[in-house]
Full PDB file with SEQRES, HELIX, SHEET, SSBOND, CRYST1, ORIGX, SCALE, CONECT and MASTER records, all heavy atoms in Angstrom:
SEQRES   1 A   37  GLU ILE ALA GLU ARG ARG ARG THR GLU GLN THR THR ARG          
SEQRES   2 A   37  ASP GLN ALA ALA ARG ALA ALA ARG ALA GLU GLN THR ARG          
SEQRES   3 A   37  ARG ALA ARG VAL GLU ARG ARG ARG ARG ALA ALA                  
HELIX    1 AA1 ILE A    2  ALA A   36  1                                  35    
CRYST1    1.000    1.000    1.000  90.00  90.00  90.00 P 1           1          
ORIGX1      1.000000  0.000000  0.000000        0.00000                         
ORIGX2      0.000000  1.000000  0.000000        0.00000                         
ORIGX3      0.000000  0.000000  1.000000        0.00000                         
SCALE1      1.000000  0.000000  0.000000        0.00000                         
SCALE2      0.000000  1.000000  0.000000        0.00000                         
SCALE3      0.000000  0.000000  1.000000        0.00000                         
ATOM      1  N   GLU A   1     -72.339  10.972   8.404  1.00  0.00           N  
ATOM      2  CA  GLU A   1     -73.108  11.000   7.151  1.00  0.00           C  
ATOM      3  C   GLU A   1     -72.264  11.562   6.008  1.00  0.00           C  
ATOM      4  O   GLU A   1     -72.276  11.026   4.893  1.00  0.00           O  
ATOM      5  CB  GLU A   1     -74.361  11.858   7.341  1.00  0.00           C  
ATOM      6  CG  GLU A   1     -75.262  11.893   6.132  1.00  0.00           C  
ATOM      7  CD  GLU A   1     -76.507  12.724   6.369  1.00  0.00           C  
ATOM      8  OE1 GLU A   1     -76.916  12.889   7.528  1.00  0.00           O  
ATOM      9  OE2 GLU A   1     -77.061  13.217   5.375  1.00  0.00           O  
ATOM     10  N   ILE A   2     -71.513  12.613   6.290  1.00  0.00           N  
ATOM     11  CA  ILE A   2     -70.648  13.200   5.262  1.00  0.00           C  
ATOM     12  C   ILE A   2     -69.577  12.203   4.844  1.00  0.00           C  
ATOM     13  O   ILE A   2     -69.293  12.033   3.650  1.00  0.00           O  
ATOM     14  CB  ILE A   2     -70.020  14.509   5.778  1.00  0.00           C  
ATOM     15  CG1 ILE A   2     -71.100  15.589   5.876  1.00  0.00           C  
ATOM     16  CG2 ILE A   2     -68.895  14.977   4.869  1.00  0.00           C  
ATOM     17  CD1 ILE A   2     -70.654  16.840   6.612  1.00  0.00           C  
ATOM     18  N   ALA A   3     -68.976  11.515   5.817  1.00  0.00           N  
ATOM     19  CA  ALA A   3     -67.945  10.523   5.504  1.00  0.00           C  
ATOM     20  C   ALA A   3     -68.528   9.391   4.652  1.00  0.00           C  
ATOM     21  O   ALA A   3     -67.897   8.943   3.686  1.00  0.00           O  
ATOM     22  CB  ALA A   3     -67.341   9.962   6.793  1.00  0.00           C  
ATOM     23  N   GLU A   4     -69.730   8.945   4.986  1.00  0.00           N  
ATOM     24  CA  GLU A   4     -70.371   7.882   4.210  1.00  0.00           C  
ATOM     25  C   GLU A   4     -70.649   8.358   2.784  1.00  0.00           C  
ATOM     26  O   GLU A   4     -70.419   7.631   1.820  1.00  0.00           O  
ATOM     27  CB  GLU A   4     -71.673   7.449   4.893  1.00  0.00           C  
ATOM     28  CG  GLU A   4     -72.434   6.388   4.140  1.00  0.00           C  
ATOM     29  CD  GLU A   4     -71.663   5.095   3.984  1.00  0.00           C  
ATOM     30  OE1 GLU A   4     -70.795   4.787   4.823  1.00  0.00           O  
ATOM     31  OE2 GLU A   4     -71.915   4.378   2.992  1.00  0.00           O  
ATOM     32  N   ARG A   5     -71.119   9.600   2.651  1.00  0.00           N  
ATOM     33  CA  ARG A   5     -71.392  10.143   1.322  1.00  0.00           C  
ATOM     34  C   ARG A   5     -70.101  10.226   0.509  1.00  0.00           C  
ATOM     35  O   ARG A   5     -70.083   9.887  -0.671  1.00  0.00           O  
ATOM     36  CB  ARG A   5     -72.027  11.530   1.448  1.00  0.00           C  
ATOM     37  CG  ARG A   5     -72.521  12.074   0.130  1.00  0.00           C  
ATOM     38  CD  ARG A   5     -73.219  13.417   0.265  1.00  0.00           C  
ATOM     39  NE  ARG A   5     -74.159  13.443   1.361  1.00  0.00           N  
ATOM     40  CZ  ARG A   5     -74.229  14.430   2.253  1.00  0.00           C  
ATOM     41  NH1 ARG A   5     -73.433  15.468   2.169  1.00  0.00           N  
ATOM     42  NH2 ARG A   5     -75.115  14.396   3.214  1.00  0.00           N  
ATOM     43  N   ARG A   6     -69.008  10.654   1.151  1.00  0.00           N  
ATOM     44  CA  ARG A   6     -67.728  10.732   0.444  1.00  0.00           C  
ATOM     45  C   ARG A   6     -67.258   9.358   0.008  1.00  0.00           C  
ATOM     46  O   ARG A   6     -66.739   9.190  -1.097  1.00  0.00           O  
ATOM     47  CB  ARG A   6     -66.672  11.392   1.331  1.00  0.00           C  
ATOM     48  CG  ARG A   6     -66.852  12.872   1.447  1.00  0.00           C  
ATOM     49  CD  ARG A   6     -65.789  13.490   2.320  1.00  0.00           C  
ATOM     50  NE  ARG A   6     -65.977  14.928   2.413  1.00  0.00           N  
ATOM     51  CZ  ARG A   6     -65.472  15.687   3.349  1.00  0.00           C  
ATOM     52  NH1 ARG A   6     -64.706  15.166   4.283  1.00  0.00           N  
ATOM     53  NH2 ARG A   6     -65.710  16.975   3.368  1.00  0.00           N  
ATOM     54  N   ARG A   7     -67.416   8.360   0.895  1.00  0.00           N  
ATOM     55  CA  ARG A   7     -67.022   6.996   0.515  1.00  0.00           C  
ATOM     56  C   ARG A   7     -67.846   6.504  -0.662  1.00  0.00           C  
ATOM     57  O   ARG A   7     -67.312   5.903  -1.594  1.00  0.00           O  
ATOM     58  CB  ARG A   7     -67.185   6.042   1.706  1.00  0.00           C  
ATOM     59  CG  ARG A   7     -66.063   6.088   2.705  1.00  0.00           C  
ATOM     60  CD  ARG A   7     -66.144   4.940   3.694  1.00  0.00           C  
ATOM     61  NE  ARG A   7     -67.350   4.967   4.491  1.00  0.00           N  
ATOM     62  CZ  ARG A   7     -67.492   5.654   5.632  1.00  0.00           C  
ATOM     63  NH1 ARG A   7     -66.503   6.382   6.088  1.00  0.00           N  
ATOM     64  NH2 ARG A   7     -68.616   5.612   6.301  1.00  0.00           N  
ATOM     65  N   THR A   8     -69.131   6.774  -0.636  1.00  0.00           N  
ATOM     66  CA  THR A   8     -70.008   6.350  -1.736  1.00  0.00           C  
ATOM     67  C   THR A   8     -69.610   7.041  -3.034  1.00  0.00           C  
ATOM     68  O   THR A   8     -69.523   6.392  -4.088  1.00  0.00           O  
ATOM     69  CB  THR A   8     -71.475   6.679  -1.389  1.00  0.00           C  
ATOM     70  OG1 THR A   8     -71.825   6.007  -0.182  1.00  0.00           O  
ATOM     71  CG2 THR A   8     -72.403   6.250  -2.506  1.00  0.00           C  
ATOM     72  N   GLU A   9     -69.358   8.347  -2.955  1.00  0.00           N  
ATOM     73  CA  GLU A   9     -68.959   9.080  -4.159  1.00  0.00           C  
ATOM     74  C   GLU A   9     -67.613   8.586  -4.678  1.00  0.00           C  
ATOM     75  O   GLU A   9     -67.421   8.461  -5.891  1.00  0.00           O  
ATOM     76  CB  GLU A   9     -68.892  10.583  -3.859  1.00  0.00           C  
ATOM     77  CG  GLU A   9     -70.257  11.199  -3.627  1.00  0.00           C  
ATOM     78  CD  GLU A   9     -70.180  12.609  -3.079  1.00  0.00           C  
ATOM     79  OE1 GLU A   9     -69.070  13.090  -2.775  1.00  0.00           O  
ATOM     80  OE2 GLU A   9     -71.248  13.243  -2.953  1.00  0.00           O  
ATOM     81  N   GLN A  10     -66.681   8.296  -3.774  1.00  0.00           N  
ATOM     82  CA  GLN A  10     -65.370   7.787  -4.192  1.00  0.00           C  
ATOM     83  C   GLN A  10     -65.519   6.420  -4.855  1.00  0.00           C  
ATOM     84  O   GLN A  10     -64.884   6.144  -5.866  1.00  0.00           O  
ATOM     85  CB  GLN A  10     -64.421   7.693  -2.993  1.00  0.00           C  
ATOM     86  CG  GLN A  10     -63.010   7.280  -3.378  1.00  0.00           C  
ATOM     87  CD  GLN A  10     -62.349   8.291  -4.299  1.00  0.00           C  
ATOM     88  OE1 GLN A  10     -62.381   9.485  -4.047  1.00  0.00           O  
ATOM     89  NE2 GLN A  10     -61.756   7.822  -5.375  1.00  0.00           N  
ATOM     90  N   THR A  11     -66.371   5.576  -4.294  1.00  0.00           N  
ATOM     91  CA  THR A  11     -66.619   4.260  -4.893  1.00  0.00           C  
ATOM     92  C   THR A  11     -67.194   4.420  -6.295  1.00  0.00           C  
ATOM     93  O   THR A  11     -66.782   3.714  -7.225  1.00  0.00           O  
ATOM     94  CB  THR A  11     -67.590   3.451  -4.001  1.00  0.00           C  
ATOM     95  OG1 THR A  11     -66.989   3.282  -2.712  1.00  0.00           O  
ATOM     96  CG2 THR A  11     -67.884   2.094  -4.599  1.00  0.00           C  
ATOM     97  N   THR A  12     -68.113   5.351  -6.450  1.00  0.00           N  
ATOM     98  CA  THR A  12     -68.705   5.596  -7.766  1.00  0.00           C  
ATOM     99  C   THR A  12     -67.642   6.071  -8.752  1.00  0.00           C  
ATOM    100  O   THR A  12     -67.588   5.597  -9.897  1.00  0.00           O  
ATOM    101  CB  THR A  12     -69.830   6.641  -7.648  1.00  0.00           C  
ATOM    102  OG1 THR A  12     -70.803   6.165  -6.721  1.00  0.00           O  
ATOM    103  CG2 THR A  12     -70.482   6.897  -8.989  1.00  0.00           C  
ATOM    104  N   ARG A  13     -66.787   7.001  -8.306  1.00  0.00           N  
ATOM    105  CA  ARG A  13     -65.712   7.480  -9.185  1.00  0.00           C  
ATOM    106  C   ARG A  13     -64.754   6.352  -9.538  1.00  0.00           C  
ATOM    107  O   ARG A  13     -64.312   6.241 -10.689  1.00  0.00           O  
ATOM    108  CB  ARG A  13     -64.947   8.631  -8.514  1.00  0.00           C  
ATOM    109  CG  ARG A  13     -65.699   9.938  -8.545  1.00  0.00           C  
ATOM    110  CD  ARG A  13     -64.806  11.102  -8.149  1.00  0.00           C  
ATOM    111  NE  ARG A  13     -64.297  10.988  -6.799  1.00  0.00           N  
ATOM    112  CZ  ARG A  13     -64.901  11.439  -5.703  1.00  0.00           C  
ATOM    113  NH1 ARG A  13     -66.060  12.042  -5.806  1.00  0.00           N  
ATOM    114  NH2 ARG A  13     -64.343  11.307  -4.517  1.00  0.00           N  
ATOM    115  N   ASP A  14     -64.411   5.518  -8.557  1.00  0.00           N  
ATOM    116  CA  ASP A  14     -63.505   4.394  -8.818  1.00  0.00           C  
ATOM    117  C   ASP A  14     -64.110   3.429  -9.839  1.00  0.00           C  
ATOM    118  O   ASP A  14     -63.417   2.950 -10.742  1.00  0.00           O  
ATOM    119  CB  ASP A  14     -63.186   3.640  -7.526  1.00  0.00           C  
ATOM    120  CG  ASP A  14     -62.311   4.437  -6.579  1.00  0.00           C  
ATOM    121  OD1 ASP A  14     -61.761   5.482  -7.002  1.00  0.00           O  
ATOM    122  OD2 ASP A  14     -62.191   4.026  -5.406  1.00  0.00           O  
ATOM    123  N   GLN A  15     -65.398   3.146  -9.690  1.00  0.00           N  
ATOM    124  CA  GLN A  15     -66.060   2.247 -10.640  1.00  0.00           C  
ATOM    125  C   GLN A  15     -66.076   2.847 -12.038  1.00  0.00           C  
ATOM    126  O   GLN A  15     -65.853   2.139 -13.026  1.00  0.00           O  
ATOM    127  CB  GLN A  15     -67.479   1.947 -10.172  1.00  0.00           C  
ATOM    128  CG  GLN A  15     -67.541   1.039  -8.963  1.00  0.00           C  
ATOM    129  CD  GLN A  15     -68.953   0.899  -8.422  1.00  0.00           C  
ATOM    130  OE1 GLN A  15     -69.850   1.657  -8.772  1.00  0.00           O  
ATOM    131  NE2 GLN A  15     -69.138  -0.082  -7.546  1.00  0.00           N  
ATOM    132  N   ALA A  16     -66.340   4.142 -12.122  1.00  0.00           N  
ATOM    133  CA  ALA A  16     -66.351   4.800 -13.431  1.00  0.00           C  
ATOM    134  C   ALA A  16     -64.952   4.769 -14.053  1.00  0.00           C  
ATOM    135  O   ALA A  16     -64.812   4.525 -15.261  1.00  0.00           O  
ATOM    136  CB  ALA A  16     -66.841   6.237 -13.294  1.00  0.00           C  
ATOM    137  N   ALA A  17     -63.930   4.995 -13.241  1.00  0.00           N  
ATOM    138  CA  ALA A  17     -62.549   4.962 -13.754  1.00  0.00           C  
ATOM    139  C   ALA A  17     -62.194   3.555 -14.218  1.00  0.00           C  
ATOM    140  O   ALA A  17     -61.550   3.383 -15.266  1.00  0.00           O  
ATOM    141  CB  ALA A  17     -61.577   5.431 -12.684  1.00  0.00           C  
ATOM    142  N   ARG A  18     -62.606   2.538 -13.453  1.00  0.00           N  
ATOM    143  CA  ARG A  18     -62.338   1.148 -13.859  1.00  0.00           C  
ATOM    144  C   ARG A  18     -63.034   0.832 -15.177  1.00  0.00           C  
ATOM    145  O   ARG A  18     -62.455   0.214 -16.069  1.00  0.00           O  
ATOM    146  CB  ARG A  18     -62.817   0.176 -12.782  1.00  0.00           C  
ATOM    147  CG  ARG A  18     -61.738  -0.269 -11.830  1.00  0.00           C  
ATOM    148  CD  ARG A  18     -62.144  -1.478 -11.008  1.00  0.00           C  
ATOM    149  NE  ARG A  18     -63.381  -1.304 -10.280  1.00  0.00           N  
ATOM    150  CZ  ARG A  18     -63.499  -0.673  -9.119  1.00  0.00           C  
ATOM    151  NH1 ARG A  18     -62.452  -0.135  -8.552  1.00  0.00           N  
ATOM    152  NH2 ARG A  18     -64.665  -0.575  -8.523  1.00  0.00           N  
ATOM    153  N   ALA A  19     -64.268   1.270 -15.304  1.00  0.00           N  
ATOM    154  CA  ALA A  19     -65.015   1.027 -16.542  1.00  0.00           C  
ATOM    155  C   ALA A  19     -64.344   1.736 -17.721  1.00  0.00           C  
ATOM    156  O   ALA A  19     -64.236   1.175 -18.818  1.00  0.00           O  
ATOM    157  CB  ALA A  19     -66.463   1.494 -16.389  1.00  0.00           C  
ATOM    158  N   ALA A  20     -63.867   2.961 -17.489  1.00  0.00           N  
ATOM    159  CA  ALA A  20     -63.196   3.713 -18.562  1.00  0.00           C  
ATOM    160  C   ALA A  20     -61.898   3.018 -18.971  1.00  0.00           C  
ATOM    161  O   ALA A  20     -61.591   2.919 -20.167  1.00  0.00           O  
ATOM    162  CB  ALA A  20     -62.918   5.142 -18.104  1.00  0.00           C  
ATOM    163  N   ARG A  21     -61.135   2.536 -17.978  1.00  0.00           N  
ATOM    164  CA  ARG A  21     -59.891   1.822 -18.311  1.00  0.00           C  
ATOM    165  C   ARG A  21     -60.197   0.536 -19.074  1.00  0.00           C  
ATOM    166  O   ARG A  21     -59.498   0.203 -20.038  1.00  0.00           O  
ATOM    167  CB  ARG A  21     -59.106   1.497 -17.032  1.00  0.00           C  
ATOM    168  CG  ARG A  21     -58.340   2.670 -16.485  1.00  0.00           C  
ATOM    169  CD  ARG A  21     -57.349   2.247 -15.420  1.00  0.00           C  
ATOM    170  NE  ARG A  21     -57.956   1.532 -14.310  1.00  0.00           N  
ATOM    171  CZ  ARG A  21     -58.466   2.116 -13.220  1.00  0.00           C  
ATOM    172  NH1 ARG A  21     -58.442   3.418 -13.097  1.00  0.00           N  
ATOM    173  NH2 ARG A  21     -58.990   1.384 -12.259  1.00  0.00           N  
ATOM    174  N   ALA A  22     -61.230  -0.182 -18.659  1.00  0.00           N  
ATOM    175  CA  ALA A  22     -61.597  -1.416 -19.345  1.00  0.00           C  
ATOM    176  C   ALA A  22     -62.011  -1.119 -20.786  1.00  0.00           C  
ATOM    177  O   ALA A  22     -61.631  -1.838 -21.713  1.00  0.00           O  
ATOM    178  CB  ALA A  22     -62.729  -2.126 -18.600  1.00  0.00           C  
ATOM    179  N   GLU A  23     -62.777  -0.052 -20.970  1.00  0.00           N  
ATOM    180  CA  GLU A  23     -63.204   0.325 -22.315  1.00  0.00           C  
ATOM    181  C   GLU A  23     -62.008   0.738 -23.161  1.00  0.00           C  
ATOM    182  O   GLU A  23     -61.905   0.371 -24.342  1.00  0.00           O  
ATOM    183  CB  GLU A  23     -64.230   1.459 -22.242  1.00  0.00           C  
ATOM    184  CG  GLU A  23     -64.704   1.954 -23.587  1.00  0.00           C  
ATOM    185  CD  GLU A  23     -65.443   0.906 -24.406  1.00  0.00           C  
ATOM    186  OE1 GLU A  23     -65.866  -0.129 -23.862  1.00  0.00           O  
ATOM    187  OE2 GLU A  23     -65.568   1.110 -25.621  1.00  0.00           O  
ATOM    188  N   GLN A  24     -61.076   1.474 -22.578  1.00  0.00           N  
ATOM    189  CA  GLN A  24     -59.878   1.891 -23.309  1.00  0.00           C  
ATOM    190  C   GLN A  24     -59.053   0.665 -23.702  1.00  0.00           C  
ATOM    191  O   GLN A  24     -58.558   0.567 -24.844  1.00  0.00           O  
ATOM    192  CB  GLN A  24     -59.048   2.832 -22.430  1.00  0.00           C  
ATOM    193  CG  GLN A  24     -57.828   3.389 -23.125  1.00  0.00           C  
ATOM    194  CD  GLN A  24     -57.069   4.338 -22.211  1.00  0.00           C  
ATOM    195  OE1 GLN A  24     -57.317   4.417 -21.021  1.00  0.00           O  
ATOM    196  NE2 GLN A  24     -56.126   5.060 -22.781  1.00  0.00           N  
ATOM    197  N   THR A  25     -58.915  -0.276 -22.785  1.00  0.00           N  
ATOM    198  CA  THR A  25     -58.180  -1.509 -23.083  1.00  0.00           C  
ATOM    199  C   THR A  25     -58.873  -2.284 -24.195  1.00  0.00           C  
ATOM    200  O   THR A  25     -58.227  -2.794 -25.112  1.00  0.00           O  
ATOM    201  CB  THR A  25     -58.072  -2.372 -21.811  1.00  0.00           C  
ATOM    202  OG1 THR A  25     -57.398  -1.614 -20.805  1.00  0.00           O  
ATOM    203  CG2 THR A  25     -57.326  -3.664 -22.067  1.00  0.00           C  
ATOM    204  N   ARG A  26     -60.201  -2.369 -24.115  1.00  0.00           N  
ATOM    205  CA  ARG A  26     -60.961  -3.091 -25.143  1.00  0.00           C  
ATOM    206  C   ARG A  26     -60.784  -2.435 -26.507  1.00  0.00           C  
ATOM    207  O   ARG A  26     -60.540  -3.109 -27.510  1.00  0.00           O  
ATOM    208  CB  ARG A  26     -62.444  -3.118 -24.760  1.00  0.00           C  
ATOM    209  CG  ARG A  26     -63.301  -3.976 -25.699  1.00  0.00           C  
ATOM    210  CD  ARG A  26     -64.778  -3.740 -25.490  1.00  0.00           C  
ATOM    211  NE  ARG A  26     -65.190  -2.408 -25.902  1.00  0.00           N  
ATOM    212  CZ  ARG A  26     -65.375  -2.029 -27.169  1.00  0.00           C  
ATOM    213  NH1 ARG A  26     -65.190  -2.877 -28.155  1.00  0.00           N  
ATOM    214  NH2 ARG A  26     -65.758  -0.795 -27.461  1.00  0.00           N  
ATOM    215  N   ARG A  27     -60.864  -1.110 -26.548  1.00  0.00           N  
ATOM    216  CA  ARG A  27     -60.707  -0.408 -27.828  1.00  0.00           C  
ATOM    217  C   ARG A  27     -59.304  -0.582 -28.396  1.00  0.00           C  
ATOM    218  O   ARG A  27     -59.137  -0.764 -29.607  1.00  0.00           O  
ATOM    219  CB  ARG A  27     -60.998   1.088 -27.654  1.00  0.00           C  
ATOM    220  CG  ARG A  27     -62.458   1.369 -27.484  1.00  0.00           C  
ATOM    221  CD  ARG A  27     -62.723   2.837 -27.358  1.00  0.00           C  
ATOM    222  NE  ARG A  27     -64.145   3.061 -27.137  1.00  0.00           N  
ATOM    223  CZ  ARG A  27     -64.712   4.244 -27.166  1.00  0.00           C  
ATOM    224  NH1 ARG A  27     -63.992   5.312 -27.409  1.00  0.00           N  
ATOM    225  NH2 ARG A  27     -65.994   4.364 -26.954  1.00  0.00           N  
ATOM    226  N   ALA A  28     -58.281  -0.556 -27.532  1.00  0.00           N  
ATOM    227  CA  ALA A  28     -56.905  -0.758 -27.992  1.00  0.00           C  
ATOM    228  C   ALA A  28     -56.751  -2.170 -28.555  1.00  0.00           C  
ATOM    229  O   ALA A  28     -56.097  -2.369 -29.590  1.00  0.00           O  
ATOM    230  CB  ALA A  28     -55.923  -0.519 -26.851  1.00  0.00           C  
ATOM    231  N   ARG A  29     -57.335  -3.151 -27.891  1.00  0.00           N  
ATOM    232  CA  ARG A  29     -57.259  -4.544 -28.370  1.00  0.00           C  
ATOM    233  C   ARG A  29     -57.947  -4.676 -29.721  1.00  0.00           C  
ATOM    234  O   ARG A  29     -57.417  -5.306 -30.652  1.00  0.00           O  
ATOM    235  CB  ARG A  29     -57.915  -5.466 -27.333  1.00  0.00           C  
ATOM    236  CG  ARG A  29     -57.760  -6.940 -27.647  1.00  0.00           C  
ATOM    237  CD  ARG A  29     -58.402  -7.834 -26.592  1.00  0.00           C  
ATOM    238  NE  ARG A  29     -57.952  -7.500 -25.258  1.00  0.00           N  
ATOM    239  CZ  ARG A  29     -58.761  -7.110 -24.252  1.00  0.00           C  
ATOM    240  NH1 ARG A  29     -60.060  -7.011 -24.435  1.00  0.00           N  
ATOM    241  NH2 ARG A  29     -58.264  -6.836 -23.070  1.00  0.00           N  
ATOM    242  N   VAL A  30     -59.127  -4.061 -29.838  1.00  0.00           N  
ATOM    243  CA  VAL A  30     -59.861  -4.105 -31.113  1.00  0.00           C  
ATOM    244  C   VAL A  30     -59.017  -3.463 -32.209  1.00  0.00           C  
ATOM    245  O   VAL A  30     -58.917  -3.988 -33.333  1.00  0.00           O  
ATOM    246  CB  VAL A  30     -61.234  -3.415 -30.973  1.00  0.00           C  
ATOM    247  CG1 VAL A  30     -61.860  -3.141 -32.327  1.00  0.00           C  
ATOM    248  CG2 VAL A  30     -62.159  -4.259 -30.111  1.00  0.00           C  
ATOM    249  N   GLU A  31     -58.394  -2.327 -31.906  1.00  0.00           N  
ATOM    250  CA  GLU A  31     -57.568  -1.640 -32.893  1.00  0.00           C  
ATOM    251  C   GLU A  31     -56.362  -2.487 -33.288  1.00  0.00           C  
ATOM    252  O   GLU A  31     -56.010  -2.565 -34.474  1.00  0.00           O  
ATOM    253  CB  GLU A  31     -57.121  -0.280 -32.338  1.00  0.00           C  
ATOM    254  CG  GLU A  31     -56.281   0.535 -33.299  1.00  0.00           C  
ATOM    255  CD  GLU A  31     -57.006   0.915 -34.581  1.00  0.00           C  
ATOM    256  OE1 GLU A  31     -58.251   0.885 -34.626  1.00  0.00           O  
ATOM    257  OE2 GLU A  31     -56.311   1.244 -35.564  1.00  0.00           O  
ATOM    258  N   ARG A  32     -55.708  -3.111 -32.316  1.00  0.00           N  
ATOM    259  CA  ARG A  32     -54.571  -3.990 -32.647  1.00  0.00           C  
ATOM    260  C   ARG A  32     -55.013  -5.149 -33.523  1.00  0.00           C  
ATOM    261  O   ARG A  32     -54.343  -5.500 -34.501  1.00  0.00           O  
ATOM    262  CB  ARG A  32     -53.917  -4.532 -31.365  1.00  0.00           C  
ATOM    263  CG  ARG A  32     -53.035  -3.540 -30.659  1.00  0.00           C  
ATOM    264  CD  ARG A  32     -52.189  -4.202 -29.591  1.00  0.00           C  
ATOM    265  NE  ARG A  32     -52.937  -4.999 -28.645  1.00  0.00           N  
ATOM    266  CZ  ARG A  32     -53.486  -4.531 -27.512  1.00  0.00           C  
ATOM    267  NH1 ARG A  32     -53.373  -3.246 -27.210  1.00  0.00           N  
ATOM    268  NH2 ARG A  32     -54.127  -5.328 -26.708  1.00  0.00           N  
ATOM    269  N   ARG A  33     -56.145  -5.726 -33.220  1.00  0.00           N  
ATOM    270  CA  ARG A  33     -56.650  -6.837 -34.038  1.00  0.00           C  
ATOM    271  C   ARG A  33     -57.003  -6.364 -35.441  1.00  0.00           C  
ATOM    272  O   ARG A  33     -56.764  -7.062 -36.425  1.00  0.00           O  
ATOM    273  CB  ARG A  33     -57.867  -7.470 -33.361  1.00  0.00           C  
ATOM    274  CG  ARG A  33     -57.492  -8.268 -32.134  1.00  0.00           C  
ATOM    275  CD  ARG A  33     -58.704  -8.840 -31.451  1.00  0.00           C  
ATOM    276  NE  ARG A  33     -58.311  -9.588 -30.269  1.00  0.00           N  
ATOM    277  CZ  ARG A  33     -59.144  -9.990 -29.337  1.00  0.00           C  
ATOM    278  NH1 ARG A  33     -60.441  -9.726 -29.446  1.00  0.00           N  
ATOM    279  NH2 ARG A  33     -58.707 -10.658 -28.299  1.00  0.00           N  
ATOM    280  N   ARG A  34     -57.603  -5.179 -35.528  1.00  0.00           N  
ATOM    281  CA  ARG A  34     -57.961  -4.635 -36.837  1.00  0.00           C  
ATOM    282  C   ARG A  34     -56.708  -4.413 -37.681  1.00  0.00           C  
ATOM    283  O   ARG A  34     -56.661  -4.781 -38.861  1.00  0.00           O  
ATOM    284  CB  ARG A  34     -58.721  -3.312 -36.664  1.00  0.00           C  
ATOM    285  CG  ARG A  34     -59.252  -2.742 -37.971  1.00  0.00           C  
ATOM    286  CD  ARG A  34     -59.779  -1.342 -37.804  1.00  0.00           C  
ATOM    287  NE  ARG A  34     -58.748  -0.379 -37.428  1.00  0.00           N  
ATOM    288  CZ  ARG A  34     -57.836   0.129 -38.268  1.00  0.00           C  
ATOM    289  NH1 ARG A  34     -57.805  -0.258 -39.522  1.00  0.00           N  
ATOM    290  NH2 ARG A  34     -56.937   1.001 -37.850  1.00  0.00           N  
ATOM    291  N   ARG A  35     -55.667  -3.834 -37.065  1.00  0.00           N  
ATOM    292  CA  ARG A  35     -54.426  -3.599 -37.797  1.00  0.00           C  
ATOM    293  C   ARG A  35     -53.752  -4.909 -38.198  1.00  0.00           C  
ATOM    294  O   ARG A  35     -53.223  -5.026 -39.313  1.00  0.00           O  
ATOM    295  CB  ARG A  35     -53.461  -2.769 -36.959  1.00  0.00           C  
ATOM    296  CG  ARG A  35     -53.890  -1.334 -36.821  1.00  0.00           C  
ATOM    297  CD  ARG A  35     -52.914  -0.557 -35.997  1.00  0.00           C  
ATOM    298  NE  ARG A  35     -53.377   0.809 -35.812  1.00  0.00           N  
ATOM    299  CZ  ARG A  35     -52.772   1.706 -35.079  1.00  0.00           C  
ATOM    300  NH1 ARG A  35     -51.651   1.388 -34.450  1.00  0.00           N  
ATOM    301  NH2 ARG A  35     -53.252   2.913 -34.955  1.00  0.00           N  
ATOM    302  N   ALA A  36     -53.785  -5.892 -37.305  1.00  0.00           N  
ATOM    303  CA  ALA A  36     -53.188  -7.193 -37.631  1.00  0.00           C  
ATOM    304  C   ALA A  36     -53.930  -7.834 -38.798  1.00  0.00           C  
ATOM    305  O   ALA A  36     -53.310  -8.411 -39.699  1.00  0.00           O  
ATOM    306  CB  ALA A  36     -53.211  -8.102 -36.402  1.00  0.00           C  
ATOM    307  N   ALA A  37     -55.244  -7.721 -38.789  1.00  0.00           N  
ATOM    308  CA  ALA A  37     -56.035  -8.279 -39.892  1.00  0.00           C  
ATOM    309  C   ALA A  37     -55.718  -7.556 -41.193  1.00  0.00           C  
ATOM    310  O   ALA A  37     -55.607  -8.181 -42.261  1.00  0.00           O  
ATOM    311  CB  ALA A  37     -57.525  -8.185 -39.568  1.00  0.00           C  
TER     312      ALA A  37                                                      
MASTER        0    0    0    1    0    0    0    6  311    1    0    3          
END                                                                             
């Protein structure tokens, strides 16, 4: 049960990190486009 809980928590952290990286990439792209414009 503890191992399953750790796997679930790790999956949640990984998903949050992926979402944060995607958001950071999106914001950088928006900023580059804004500067180019």
